[in-house]
Protein backbone atom coordinates (compact mmCIF):
# COMPACT_ATOMS: atom_id res chain seq x y z
CA MET A 1 2.96 22.03 19.14
CA LYS A 2 3.91 18.70 19.37
CA PRO A 3 0.88 16.41 20.42
CA ALA A 4 1.26 14.17 24.09
CA LYS A 5 2.61 11.01 23.43
CA LEU A 6 -0.26 8.24 24.49
CA THR A 7 0.19 5.63 26.97
CA PRO A 8 0.09 2.14 25.48
CA MET A 9 -3.38 1.60 26.98
CA GLN A 10 -4.37 4.80 25.61
CA THR A 11 -3.19 3.68 22.41
CA ILE A 12 -4.93 0.61 22.07
CA THR A 13 -8.21 2.26 23.04
CA HIS A 14 -7.71 4.95 20.63
CA LEU A 15 -6.92 2.51 17.60
CA LEU A 16 -9.91 0.29 18.89
CA ARG A 17 -12.20 3.46 18.87
CA GLU A 18 -10.92 4.34 15.31
CA ALA A 19 -10.99 0.79 13.71
CA LEU A 20 -13.99 -1.11 15.51
CA PRO A 21 -17.34 1.30 14.42
CA SER A 22 -17.13 1.18 10.88
CA ARG A 23 -16.48 -2.72 10.81
CA TRP A 24 -19.27 -3.46 13.53
CA LYS A 25 -20.60 -6.26 11.31
CA LEU A 26 -17.40 -8.20 10.65
CA LEU A 27 -16.79 -7.87 14.73
CA ALA A 28 -20.44 -8.88 15.46
CA LEU A 29 -19.97 -11.89 13.23
CA SER A 30 -16.33 -12.52 14.87
CA ILE A 31 -17.75 -12.38 18.01
CA PHE A 32 -20.37 -15.09 17.40
CA CYS A 33 -17.66 -17.09 15.78
CA MET A 34 -15.75 -16.81 19.16
CA VAL A 35 -18.36 -17.61 21.36
CA GLY A 36 -18.96 -20.74 19.09
CA VAL A 37 -15.39 -21.74 19.48
CA ALA A 38 -15.36 -21.26 23.19
CA GLY A 39 -18.41 -23.15 23.61
CA PHE A 40 -17.74 -26.26 21.74
CA THR A 41 -14.19 -26.24 23.04
CA ALA A 42 -15.77 -26.63 26.57
CA ALA A 43 -18.18 -29.13 25.89
CA LEU A 44 -15.45 -31.11 24.34
CA ALA A 45 -13.80 -30.94 27.47
CA TYR A 46 -16.94 -31.83 29.36
CA SER A 47 -17.72 -34.88 27.13
CA THR A 48 -14.54 -36.80 28.41
CA ARG A 49 -16.69 -37.20 31.92
CA LEU A 50 -19.44 -38.98 29.95
CA ILE A 51 -16.51 -41.08 28.12
CA VAL A 52 -15.19 -42.24 31.70
CA ASN A 53 -18.43 -42.53 33.58
CA ASP A 54 -21.01 -43.73 30.98
CA VAL A 55 -19.09 -45.58 28.66
CA PHE A 56 -15.78 -47.06 30.44
CA VAL A 57 -17.11 -47.44 33.94
CA ALA A 58 -20.76 -48.24 33.20
CA SER A 59 -19.68 -50.51 30.04
CA ASP A 60 -22.51 -49.07 28.14
CA ALA A 61 -22.35 -49.78 24.20
CA THR A 62 -25.26 -47.92 23.65
CA ALA A 63 -23.91 -44.87 25.64
CA ALA A 64 -20.55 -45.52 23.58
CA ILE A 65 -22.18 -44.96 20.34
CA GLN A 66 -24.11 -41.99 21.58
CA VAL A 67 -21.32 -40.23 23.20
CA ALA A 68 -19.16 -40.89 19.95
CA LEU A 69 -21.75 -39.19 17.97
CA LEU A 70 -22.04 -36.36 20.66
CA ILE A 71 -18.11 -35.84 20.37
CA LEU A 72 -18.21 -35.91 16.44
CA GLY A 73 -20.69 -33.32 16.53
CA VAL A 74 -19.07 -31.17 18.84
CA THR A 75 -15.54 -31.57 16.78
CA ILE A 76 -17.42 -30.68 13.58
CA GLY A 77 -19.01 -27.48 15.41
CA LYS A 78 -15.65 -26.50 16.75
CA SER A 79 -13.98 -26.84 13.56
CA ALA A 80 -16.57 -24.71 11.51
CA PHE A 81 -16.52 -21.92 13.89
CA GLN A 82 -12.61 -22.03 14.32
CA TYR A 83 -12.48 -21.92 10.45
CA ALA A 84 -14.90 -19.00 10.09
CA ASN A 85 -13.26 -17.07 12.93
CA ASP A 86 -9.73 -17.49 11.50
CA VAL A 87 -11.03 -16.33 7.94
CA ILE A 88 -12.90 -13.30 9.26
CA SER A 89 -9.48 -12.31 11.29
CA VAL A 90 -7.45 -12.29 7.87
CA ILE A 91 -10.25 -10.29 6.63
CA PHE A 92 -10.28 -7.85 9.38
CA GLN A 93 -6.38 -7.66 9.58
CA ARG A 94 -6.04 -6.78 6.11
CA SER A 95 -8.92 -4.19 6.30
CA VAL A 96 -7.49 -2.42 9.22
CA ALA A 97 -3.78 -2.56 7.78
CA SER A 98 -4.96 -1.09 4.36
CA ALA A 99 -6.61 1.70 5.84
CA TYR A 100 -3.78 2.64 8.27
CA GLN A 101 -1.42 2.22 5.29
CA LYS A 102 -3.37 4.36 3.08
CA MET A 103 -3.46 6.86 5.72
CA VAL A 104 0.26 7.04 6.47
CA PHE A 105 0.96 7.06 2.65
CA GLU A 106 -1.27 10.23 2.03
CA LYS A 107 0.35 11.98 5.32
CA LEU A 108 3.82 11.17 3.90
CA LEU A 109 2.97 12.39 0.23
CA HIS A 110 1.74 15.68 1.90
CA LYS A 111 4.66 16.28 3.99
CA GLU A 112 7.05 19.41 2.46
CA VAL A 113 9.94 18.39 -0.19
CA ARG A 114 12.51 18.93 2.82
CA HIS A 115 11.36 16.25 4.90
CA PHE A 116 12.49 13.81 2.39
CA ILE A 117 16.02 15.04 1.64
CA GLY A 118 18.48 12.89 3.05
CA GLU A 119 16.24 10.02 3.65
CA HIS A 120 16.24 6.87 1.26
CA ALA A 121 12.79 6.06 -0.48
CA SER A 122 12.74 2.87 1.64
CA VAL A 123 12.81 4.14 4.67
CA GLN A 124 9.34 5.76 3.64
CA MET A 125 7.84 2.93 2.51
CA ASN A 126 8.78 0.87 5.16
CA LYS A 127 6.99 3.14 7.76
CA VAL A 128 3.68 2.71 5.46
CA ARG A 129 4.21 -1.49 5.75
CA ILE A 130 5.42 -1.31 9.70
CA TYR A 131 2.92 1.16 10.81
CA GLY A 132 -0.05 -0.25 8.95
CA ASP A 133 0.70 -3.62 9.83
CA ALA A 134 1.28 -2.71 13.67
CA CYS A 135 -1.87 -0.97 14.01
CA ALA A 136 -3.89 -3.82 12.48
CA ASN A 137 -2.15 -6.34 14.89
CA VAL A 138 -2.89 -4.44 17.63
CA VAL A 139 -6.80 -4.10 16.78
CA VAL A 140 -6.79 -7.57 15.90
CA ASN A 141 -4.95 -9.00 18.52
CA VAL A 142 -7.47 -7.16 21.00
CA SER A 143 -10.49 -7.45 19.53
CA ASN A 144 -10.24 -10.96 17.99
CA LYS A 145 -7.39 -13.28 19.38
CA LEU A 146 -7.36 -12.06 22.72
CA LEU A 147 -11.18 -12.40 23.25
CA THR A 148 -11.22 -15.79 21.58
CA GLU A 149 -8.69 -17.30 24.06
CA GLY A 150 -10.19 -15.35 26.95
CA LEU A 151 -13.79 -16.83 26.11
CA THR A 152 -12.22 -20.25 25.65
CA VAL A 153 -10.42 -20.00 29.00
CA LEU A 154 -13.67 -19.08 30.66
CA GLY A 155 -15.55 -21.69 29.23
CA LEU A 156 -13.22 -24.51 30.14
CA PHE A 157 -12.75 -22.90 33.74
CA THR A 158 -16.81 -23.27 33.72
CA VAL A 159 -16.35 -27.10 33.14
CA MET A 160 -13.65 -26.96 35.74
CA ILE A 161 -16.05 -25.41 38.35
CA ILE A 162 -18.70 -27.62 37.67
CA GLN A 163 -16.47 -30.53 38.32
CA ASP A 164 -14.41 -29.34 41.40
CA PRO A 165 -15.19 -25.96 42.55
CA LEU A 166 -12.09 -25.99 45.18
CA MET A 167 -9.60 -27.36 42.91
CA THR A 168 -10.60 -24.32 40.21
CA LEU A 169 -10.25 -21.88 42.66
CA PHE A 170 -6.26 -23.13 43.93
CA SER A 171 -5.78 -23.42 39.96
CA SER A 172 -6.83 -20.01 39.31
CA VAL A 173 -3.76 -18.60 41.42
CA LEU A 174 -1.80 -19.43 38.23
CA PHE A 175 -3.35 -16.54 36.10
CA PRO A 176 -2.07 -13.76 38.57
CA LEU A 177 1.47 -15.22 38.52
CA ILE A 178 1.08 -15.73 34.78
CA PHE A 179 -0.33 -11.95 34.54
CA LEU A 180 2.71 -10.50 36.43
CA LEU A 181 5.28 -12.67 34.17
CA VAL A 182 3.72 -11.39 31.26
CA SER A 183 3.76 -7.89 32.06
CA ASN A 184 7.35 -7.93 33.17
CA LEU A 185 8.17 -9.22 29.96
CA SER A 186 6.05 -6.68 28.00
CA ASN A 187 8.01 -3.99 29.36
CA ARG A 188 11.27 -5.35 28.56
CA ILE A 189 9.93 -6.07 24.98
CA ARG A 190 8.53 -2.41 24.32
CA GLY A 191 11.89 -1.07 24.35
CA MET A 192 13.42 -3.74 22.33
CA ALA A 193 10.81 -3.64 19.69
CA ASN A 194 11.30 -0.02 18.66
CA ALA A 195 14.88 -0.86 17.73
CA GLU A 196 14.27 -4.08 15.76
CA ALA A 197 11.70 -1.84 13.56
CA GLU A 198 14.69 0.77 13.05
CA LEU A 199 17.15 -2.12 12.22
CA GLU A 200 14.70 -3.68 9.66
CA GLY A 201 14.39 -0.06 8.24
CA GLY A 202 17.96 -0.16 7.89
CA PHE A 203 18.11 -3.54 6.31
CA VAL A 204 15.86 -2.78 3.77
CA LYS A 205 17.28 0.21 3.08
CA VAL A 206 21.10 -1.44 2.35
CA GLY A 207 19.38 -4.03 0.31
CA SER A 208 17.52 -1.32 -2.02
CA GLU A 209 20.40 1.06 -2.68
CA ALA A 210 22.34 -2.06 -3.75
CA PHE A 211 19.97 -3.07 -6.49
CA ALA A 212 19.09 0.36 -7.28
CA GLY A 213 22.71 1.11 -7.82
CA ILE A 214 23.70 -2.20 -9.33
CA LYS A 215 25.31 -0.63 -12.28
CA THR A 216 27.54 1.45 -9.95
CA VAL A 217 28.24 -1.67 -7.97
CA LYS A 218 29.34 -3.65 -10.92
CA THR A 219 31.26 -0.83 -12.39
CA TYR A 220 33.62 -0.02 -9.52
CA GLY A 221 33.45 -3.44 -8.08
CA LEU A 222 31.41 -2.53 -5.02
CA GLN A 223 30.27 -6.20 -4.24
CA ASP A 224 32.27 -6.82 -1.70
CA LYS A 225 31.92 -3.81 0.51
CA THR A 226 27.99 -3.93 -0.27
CA ILE A 227 27.82 -7.38 0.96
CA ARG A 228 29.34 -6.21 4.22
CA ARG A 229 26.98 -3.51 5.01
CA PHE A 230 24.37 -5.82 3.82
CA ASN A 231 25.81 -8.85 6.32
CA GLY A 232 26.51 -6.42 8.79
CA ALA A 233 22.69 -4.60 8.77
CA VAL A 234 21.26 -8.41 8.80
CA ASP A 235 23.58 -9.48 11.71
CA LYS A 236 22.48 -6.38 13.70
CA LEU A 237 18.76 -7.28 13.22
CA GLU A 238 19.56 -10.94 13.94
CA ASN A 239 20.67 -10.19 17.33
CA ARG A 240 18.11 -7.77 18.20
CA ILE A 241 15.44 -10.63 17.10
CA PHE A 242 17.55 -13.13 19.27
CA LYS A 243 17.28 -10.73 22.34
CA ILE A 244 13.54 -10.40 21.82
CA ALA A 245 12.95 -14.32 21.22
CA LYS A 246 14.98 -14.95 24.59
CA ILE A 247 12.25 -12.89 26.48
CA THR A 248 9.43 -13.68 24.59
CA LYS A 249 10.02 -17.70 24.39
CA ALA A 250 10.45 -17.60 28.24
CA THR A 251 6.70 -17.68 28.84
CA VAL A 252 6.19 -21.21 27.45
CA PRO A 253 8.71 -23.10 29.78
CA LEU A 254 7.48 -21.24 32.58
CA MET A 255 3.70 -21.61 31.99
CA GLU A 256 4.56 -25.28 31.67
CA LEU A 257 6.22 -25.60 34.86
CA LEU A 258 3.63 -23.78 36.41
CA GLY A 259 0.85 -26.07 35.05
CA GLY A 260 2.84 -29.18 35.82
CA VAL A 261 3.06 -28.33 39.39
CA VAL A 262 -0.88 -27.82 39.69
CA ILE A 263 -1.40 -31.19 37.45
CA ALA A 264 0.85 -33.17 40.02
CA LEU A 265 -0.72 -31.79 42.93
CA PHE A 266 -4.40 -32.57 41.48
CA VAL A 267 -3.39 -36.16 40.81
CA VAL A 268 -2.97 -36.59 44.81
CA TYR A 269 -5.78 -34.32 45.40
CA ALA A 270 -8.00 -36.49 42.97
CA ALA A 271 -6.94 -39.66 44.69
CA TRP A 272 -7.66 -38.73 48.19
CA GLN A 273 -11.39 -37.09 47.14
CA THR A 274 -11.99 -40.63 45.22
CA ILE A 275 -10.96 -42.86 48.07
CA THR A 276 -12.50 -40.77 50.73
CA HIS A 277 -15.35 -38.73 49.32
CA GLY A 278 -16.50 -41.35 46.57
CA LYS A 279 -15.73 -38.86 43.40
CA THR A 280 -16.04 -40.50 39.98
CA PRO A 281 -13.21 -40.67 37.74
CA GLY A 282 -14.92 -38.86 34.98
CA GLU A 283 -15.30 -35.56 37.00
CA PHE A 284 -11.44 -35.58 37.69
CA THR A 285 -10.87 -36.79 34.14
CA ALA A 286 -13.12 -33.90 33.07
CA PHE A 287 -11.36 -31.55 35.33
CA ILE A 288 -7.73 -32.60 34.26
CA ILE A 289 -8.82 -32.40 30.41
CA ALA A 290 -10.31 -28.93 30.87
CA PHE A 291 -7.34 -27.84 32.52
CA ILE A 292 -4.91 -29.26 30.06
CA MET A 293 -7.07 -27.70 27.18
CA ALA A 294 -7.23 -24.33 29.19
CA TYR A 295 -3.18 -24.13 29.23
CA GLN A 296 -3.16 -23.75 25.64
CA PRO A 297 -5.52 -20.68 24.75
CA ALA A 298 -4.06 -19.18 28.20
CA GLU A 299 -0.40 -19.69 26.57
CA ARG A 300 -1.76 -17.83 23.53
CA LEU A 301 -3.10 -15.19 25.37
CA SER A 302 0.15 -14.36 27.04
CA ASN A 303 1.99 -14.60 23.62
CA VAL A 304 -0.91 -12.36 21.84
CA TRP A 305 -0.47 -9.57 24.82
CA VAL A 306 3.50 -9.91 24.09
CA GLU A 307 2.70 -9.28 20.23
CA ILE A 308 0.45 -6.32 20.93
CA GLN A 309 3.21 -4.42 23.12
CA LYS A 310 5.54 -5.10 20.33
CA SER A 311 3.06 -3.53 17.88
CA VAL A 312 1.98 -0.82 20.40
CA ILE A 313 5.66 0.85 19.80
CA GLN A 314 5.15 1.38 16.24
CA SER A 315 1.48 2.32 16.46
CA GLN A 316 2.29 5.11 19.12
CA LYS A 317 4.77 6.57 16.48
CA MET A 318 2.11 6.19 13.49
CA MET A 319 -0.34 8.11 15.68
CA GLU A 320 2.32 10.83 16.32
CA MET A 321 3.06 11.51 12.93
CA ILE A 322 -0.69 11.17 11.92
CA SER A 323 -1.62 13.77 14.48
CA GLU A 324 0.94 16.28 13.73
CA PRO A 325 -0.27 19.55 12.21
CA PRO A 326 -0.15 19.61 8.42
CA GLU A 327 3.48 20.86 7.12
CA LYS A 328 1.33 22.88 4.48
CA ARG A 329 2.60 26.33 3.97
CA GLU A 330 0.49 29.25 3.80
CA TYR A 331 -0.80 29.94 0.20
CA GLY A 332 -2.73 33.06 -1.20
CA ASP A 333 -5.46 32.90 -3.42
CA VAL A 334 -4.19 34.97 -6.70
CA GLU A 335 -4.92 33.08 -9.82
CA LEU A 336 -2.32 33.41 -12.43
CA ASP A 337 -3.40 35.07 -15.50
CA ASP A 338 -2.97 33.01 -18.90
CA ALA A 339 0.03 34.62 -20.09
CA ALA A 340 3.93 33.95 -19.95
CA PRO A 341 5.24 35.39 -16.75
CA GLY A 342 7.95 37.58 -15.85
CA VAL A 343 10.27 35.76 -12.92
CA VAL A 344 11.82 38.42 -10.59
CA PHE A 345 14.06 37.63 -7.56
CA GLU A 346 14.38 40.72 -5.06
CA ASP A 347 17.50 40.47 -2.75
CA VAL A 348 16.76 36.36 -2.06
CA SER A 349 18.87 34.83 0.25
CA PHE A 350 18.18 31.16 1.40
CA GLU A 351 20.01 28.39 3.55
CA TYR A 352 19.22 24.63 4.41
CA LYS A 353 18.95 24.32 8.19
CA LYS A 354 20.84 27.22 9.04
CA ARG A 355 23.98 25.89 7.38
CA THR A 356 26.07 27.79 4.87
CA PRO A 357 23.79 29.95 2.68
CA ALA A 358 22.89 28.30 -0.61
CA LEU A 359 21.89 31.69 -2.18
CA CYS A 360 23.14 35.20 -1.11
CA ASN A 361 21.33 38.61 -1.93
CA VAL A 362 20.20 37.35 -5.55
CA SER A 363 18.26 40.03 -7.66
CA PHE A 364 17.38 39.63 -11.41
CA GLU A 365 14.31 39.95 -13.61
CA ILE A 366 13.31 37.89 -16.20
CA GLU A 367 11.01 39.26 -18.88
CA PRO A 368 7.59 37.47 -19.90
CA GLY A 369 8.40 34.96 -22.91
CA GLU A 370 12.19 35.15 -22.23
CA ARG A 371 14.05 32.06 -22.43
CA VAL A 372 17.27 32.12 -20.02
CA ALA A 373 19.75 29.58 -18.95
CA ILE A 374 20.92 29.45 -15.52
CA VAL A 375 24.83 28.34 -15.09
CA GLY A 376 27.45 27.80 -12.78
CA ARG A 377 29.65 25.20 -11.12
CA SER A 378 28.08 22.38 -9.13
CA GLY A 379 26.94 23.75 -5.73
CA ALA A 380 26.68 27.44 -7.10
CA GLY A 381 22.88 27.38 -6.22
CA LYS A 382 21.11 26.63 -9.47
CA THR A 383 19.00 23.58 -8.21
CA THR A 384 18.07 25.65 -5.24
CA LEU A 385 16.88 28.63 -7.27
CA ILE A 386 14.67 26.50 -9.23
CA ASP A 387 13.14 25.21 -5.98
CA LEU A 388 12.36 28.66 -4.83
CA VAL A 389 10.52 29.26 -8.32
CA MET A 390 8.57 26.20 -8.01
CA ARG A 391 8.00 26.93 -3.96
CA PHE A 392 9.58 23.79 -2.61
CA TYR A 393 10.88 26.02 -0.50
CA ASP A 394 10.55 30.00 0.70
CA PRO A 395 13.49 32.21 0.54
CA THR A 396 15.13 32.85 3.98
CA VAL A 397 15.16 36.62 3.26
CA GLY A 398 13.90 38.43 0.04
CA VAL A 399 10.83 38.01 -2.26
CA VAL A 400 10.29 35.91 -5.35
CA ARG A 401 7.56 36.94 -7.71
CA LEU A 402 5.85 35.24 -10.58
CA GLY A 403 3.81 37.16 -13.11
CA GLY A 404 4.03 40.33 -10.96
CA HIS A 405 2.76 38.57 -7.73
CA ASN A 406 4.49 37.44 -4.49
CA LEU A 407 4.64 33.80 -4.74
CA HIS A 408 3.02 33.65 -1.29
CA ASP A 409 -0.26 35.24 -2.70
CA VAL A 410 -0.57 32.67 -5.31
CA ALA A 411 -2.82 30.13 -4.91
CA GLU A 412 -1.06 26.50 -4.87
CA LYS A 413 -3.23 24.96 -7.71
CA SER A 414 -2.86 27.99 -9.83
CA LEU A 415 1.00 27.71 -9.24
CA ARG A 416 1.56 24.01 -10.25
CA ASP A 417 -0.69 24.26 -13.07
CA TYR A 418 1.42 27.34 -14.30
CA ILE A 419 4.91 25.53 -14.18
CA ALA A 420 6.02 22.45 -15.91
CA LEU A 421 9.25 21.02 -14.37
CA ILE A 422 11.53 18.53 -16.15
CA SER A 423 14.32 17.14 -14.17
CA GLN A 424 17.58 15.71 -15.07
CA ASP A 425 16.21 12.22 -13.08
CA VAL A 426 13.18 11.87 -15.06
CA PHE A 427 11.16 9.40 -12.91
CA LEU A 428 8.67 7.30 -15.01
CA PHE A 429 5.73 5.00 -13.58
CA GLU A 430 5.16 1.72 -14.58
CA GLY A 431 2.83 1.78 -17.44
CA THR A 432 2.94 2.57 -21.28
CA ILE A 433 4.49 5.39 -22.82
CA ARG A 434 0.98 7.47 -23.30
CA ASP A 435 0.06 6.54 -19.85
CA ASN A 436 3.33 8.50 -18.65
CA ILE A 437 2.86 11.53 -21.22
CA ARG A 438 -0.65 11.71 -20.29
CA ASP A 439 0.08 11.97 -16.50
CA GLY A 440 1.04 15.57 -16.98
CA ARG A 441 -2.75 16.16 -17.97
CA PRO A 442 -4.81 13.49 -17.50
CA SER A 443 -7.52 14.85 -19.63
CA ALA A 444 -5.02 15.11 -22.70
CA SER A 445 -6.57 13.89 -26.21
CA ASP A 446 -4.67 10.95 -28.07
CA GLU A 447 -3.84 13.87 -30.48
CA GLU A 448 -2.35 16.08 -27.59
CA VAL A 449 -0.41 13.00 -26.56
CA GLU A 450 1.30 12.47 -29.86
CA ARG A 451 1.95 16.16 -30.44
CA ALA A 452 3.87 16.24 -26.89
CA ALA A 453 5.71 13.36 -28.30
CA HIS A 454 6.49 14.79 -31.66
CA ILE A 455 7.71 18.03 -30.09
CA ALA A 456 9.78 15.84 -27.62
CA ALA A 457 11.77 14.11 -30.63
CA LEU A 458 10.04 10.82 -29.54
CA THR A 459 8.22 10.17 -33.19
CA GLU A 460 11.19 7.68 -34.53
CA MET A 461 11.50 5.66 -31.59
CA ILE A 462 7.91 5.26 -31.11
CA GLU A 463 7.56 4.26 -34.64
CA THR A 464 10.12 1.85 -34.45
CA ALA A 465 8.73 0.53 -31.30
CA ASP A 466 6.50 -2.71 -31.47
CA LYS A 467 3.18 -1.02 -29.82
CA GLY A 468 4.33 2.49 -30.39
CA LEU A 469 2.91 4.66 -27.44
CA ASP A 470 1.65 1.92 -26.01
CA THR A 471 4.89 0.26 -25.46
CA GLU A 472 5.60 -0.68 -21.74
CA VAL A 473 8.29 1.28 -20.01
CA GLY A 474 8.62 -1.11 -16.87
CA PRO A 475 9.22 0.21 -13.33
CA ASN A 476 10.68 3.77 -13.58
CA GLY A 477 11.17 3.42 -17.16
CA VAL A 478 13.83 0.59 -17.09
CA SER A 479 13.26 -0.44 -20.33
CA LEU A 480 14.16 2.84 -22.06
CA SER A 481 17.65 4.39 -22.31
CA GLY A 482 18.24 7.44 -20.49
CA GLY A 483 17.98 9.76 -23.44
CA GLN A 484 14.58 8.16 -23.94
CA LYS A 485 13.41 8.61 -20.31
CA GLN A 486 14.20 12.20 -20.64
CA ARG A 487 12.26 12.81 -24.17
CA VAL A 488 9.38 10.84 -22.39
CA GLY A 489 9.71 13.22 -19.50
CA ILE A 490 9.83 16.23 -21.64
CA ALA A 491 6.79 15.21 -23.30
CA ARG A 492 5.08 14.90 -20.34
CA ALA A 493 5.78 18.52 -19.23
CA LEU A 494 4.87 20.13 -22.60
CA ILE A 495 1.37 18.13 -22.64
CA ARG A 496 0.76 20.60 -19.69
CA ASP A 497 0.74 23.45 -21.72
CA ALA A 498 2.23 25.50 -19.27
CA LYS A 499 3.26 29.23 -19.17
CA LEU A 500 6.74 28.52 -17.24
CA PHE A 501 8.83 25.73 -18.43
CA ILE A 502 12.01 24.75 -16.18
CA PHE A 503 14.63 22.54 -17.55
CA ASP A 504 16.79 21.35 -15.10
CA GLU A 505 19.30 19.50 -16.86
CA ALA A 506 16.58 17.67 -18.68
CA THR A 507 18.73 17.08 -21.77
CA SER A 508 21.78 16.10 -20.13
CA ALA A 509 21.23 12.32 -21.41
CA LEU A 510 20.60 13.61 -25.30
CA ASP A 511 22.72 13.58 -28.10
CA GLY A 512 23.19 16.86 -29.86
CA GLU A 513 20.88 15.98 -32.61
CA ASN A 514 18.00 15.13 -30.42
CA GLU A 515 18.73 18.07 -28.22
CA ARG A 516 18.48 20.57 -31.30
CA LYS A 517 15.25 18.59 -32.66
CA ILE A 518 13.49 19.23 -29.28
CA MET A 519 14.72 22.76 -29.07
CA GLU A 520 13.60 23.88 -32.55
CA ASN A 521 10.31 22.19 -31.93
CA LEU A 522 9.75 23.88 -28.66
CA LEU A 523 10.50 27.30 -29.94
CA LYS A 524 8.05 26.44 -33.31
CA ASP A 525 5.49 24.53 -31.86
CA MET A 526 5.00 26.32 -28.12
CA PRO A 527 5.96 29.96 -28.55
CA GLY A 528 5.26 32.80 -26.03
CA ARG A 529 6.19 30.49 -22.89
CA THR A 530 8.92 31.69 -20.45
CA ILE A 531 11.44 29.01 -20.14
CA LEU A 532 14.66 28.38 -17.73
CA PHE A 533 17.34 26.05 -18.60
CA VAL A 534 19.66 24.99 -15.94
CA THR A 535 22.46 23.45 -18.21
CA HIS A 536 26.10 22.77 -18.13
CA ARG A 537 25.97 22.10 -21.93
CA ALA A 538 27.36 25.10 -24.25
CA SER A 539 24.99 23.89 -26.66
CA THR A 540 21.93 24.99 -25.05
CA LEU A 541 23.15 28.45 -24.63
CA GLN A 542 22.53 29.23 -28.58
CA TYR A 543 18.83 28.85 -27.73
CA VAL A 544 18.76 31.56 -25.03
CA ASP A 545 17.80 35.36 -24.83
CA ARG A 546 20.14 35.98 -21.54
CA THR A 547 21.94 33.88 -18.87
CA ILE A 548 22.16 33.98 -14.88
CA LEU A 549 25.80 33.37 -14.15
CA LEU A 550 25.87 31.82 -10.62
CA ASP A 551 28.92 31.52 -8.52
CA GLY A 552 28.97 29.97 -4.59
CA GLY A 553 25.45 31.27 -4.32
CA HIS A 554 25.78 34.66 -5.69
CA LEU A 555 24.75 36.20 -8.74
CA ALA A 556 27.99 36.56 -10.79
CA GLY A 557 26.29 37.75 -13.90
CA PHE A 558 23.13 38.28 -15.82
CA ASP A 559 23.45 39.10 -19.62
CA THR A 560 23.74 37.92 -23.13
CA PRO A 561 25.72 34.63 -23.69
CA ASP A 562 28.07 36.96 -25.84
CA ASN A 563 28.42 39.72 -23.33
CA LEU A 564 29.41 37.17 -20.54
CA ALA A 565 31.87 35.46 -23.02
CA ALA A 566 33.33 38.83 -23.30
CA ASN A 567 33.19 40.38 -19.91
CA SER A 568 33.51 37.32 -17.50
CA ALA A 569 36.73 35.37 -17.05
CA TYR A 570 34.42 33.00 -14.86
CA TYR A 571 32.01 32.03 -17.44
CA ARG A 572 34.66 31.58 -20.11
CA ASP A 573 36.50 29.21 -17.82
CA LEU A 574 33.21 27.27 -17.34
CA PHE A 575 32.69 26.44 -20.84
CA HIS A 576 36.65 26.74 -21.72
CA LEU A 577 36.17 29.55 -24.12
CA ASP A 578 39.90 30.53 -23.34
CA ARG A 579 40.70 27.05 -24.71
CA PRO A 580 39.17 26.61 -28.13
CA GLU A 581 40.32 23.25 -28.39
CA ARG A 582 38.73 21.91 -25.20
CA ALA A 583 35.62 24.10 -26.01
CA ALA A 584 35.45 22.06 -29.64
CA ALA A 585 35.89 18.89 -28.05
CA THR A 586 33.16 19.38 -25.47
CA GLN A 587 30.90 20.69 -28.33
CA GLU A 588 31.69 17.60 -30.32
CA ARG A 589 30.83 15.53 -27.20
CA GLU A 590 27.43 17.26 -27.12
């Protein structure tokens, strides 16, 4: 059941209740600094009365020195408290933002694989950044900036009341007008802020794609097209920001207009009071200075409230996502034994989001310790079959068994420890070759890392590298070739000492010699494992016992490579066996 959406005020209240209790020391210190800022600001405004009455009107030199020292002390005090409060505000903001960014990242990482299909990685990371910053903005703006400016306005109004209560009452009429103005603008901004965040995500996505696929862009001369797409995304974002700015910036001139009206009226009122009732110039000077000084924090109050409304939209999205029930599918408690498993599909069908079925009534039985190739044209269902074995998805119909157990009954950790998957697009983390291999099993010793590297035919590369296994690979292995990345990925999988290995086009970037070394090392040094090879390469078939042949989601054959070559025209066409010259050319390239 989807949780009810919170109102903006409920969202703000929820965030404060969640973020403030664990940071009460920072909050207490911040409030102390806020009171100091407000108090010294009010004292600075009040001191103008002393300047006019005690110094200029009374022409008292001693009073001039005393008032000067007083103003110096007040200014130093205000500056010190302001500095401390600003530093605390930054610490507070980063603390809250970091906490929520970690929370969002963890939530996203625990979502099922299907959640990420069709969505760019930059979109996910944009959520982490925007949601965390938005929540921090709400918490800090409400608990620090809003309170600081509010206390400052209150302190200055106290000075105004002391000087002239009647005029202070008249001036206070401004604040309901300002509140109504800001509320109206806030309602309009909330709708626009959502679109701004989405456009910002699109801007990041287009730029990330361009740099990630820079070789494709250069190869096919797509610079102009890519620039047009990026410029379009930037222009849309710019237009949205401009529309929001037209609304948010309207508060300043409107407030200045209202403030100017009050000051003009007060000058007339002050002159009348001075002439008819004997009021001192210092009183009116202090009042006007306090009013003018109150204008700035009042203006900042309105701006802060507008910023809060913009951030509330993204905070609501974050809270909706966090409060969603976990997408964790049901796992059993069966622990797989320490033996090579058989893999069984019983009338398995699967379709993505009620589209054309990716697999239809597929049944087969792979024996424990058997080496099996999975072949077929693109879109035949090979990757889907592997995803079902990995239990990234569950069958729409049918049962998948591993080691005699229904995958639904197997404990998640046992399943993950039991299988090692090596994909075509190997992802390496920034760090050394050793670090990336050890990611397969963090407790592995250096000797085990070296053994896995040897089986993956990395020995020669490591020996020629300046730092050997401690060579840095760069972000996603950018400093390695495609074949080297695949071999590091293979070594990372091998060190897991799994019982079922799945090679999903894992040798596609390797030359025939390195593939041969890996296969021979694998069979010699890691016997007794069940191994599945998803492949388009005929050279891989010499290392398998049987081959699963898929065609349009259907099982077209399951037999030895020789029998399939003899009995299946589809298989022969797949590997050009009816055209010896093409088969030979393909074999030579591999």
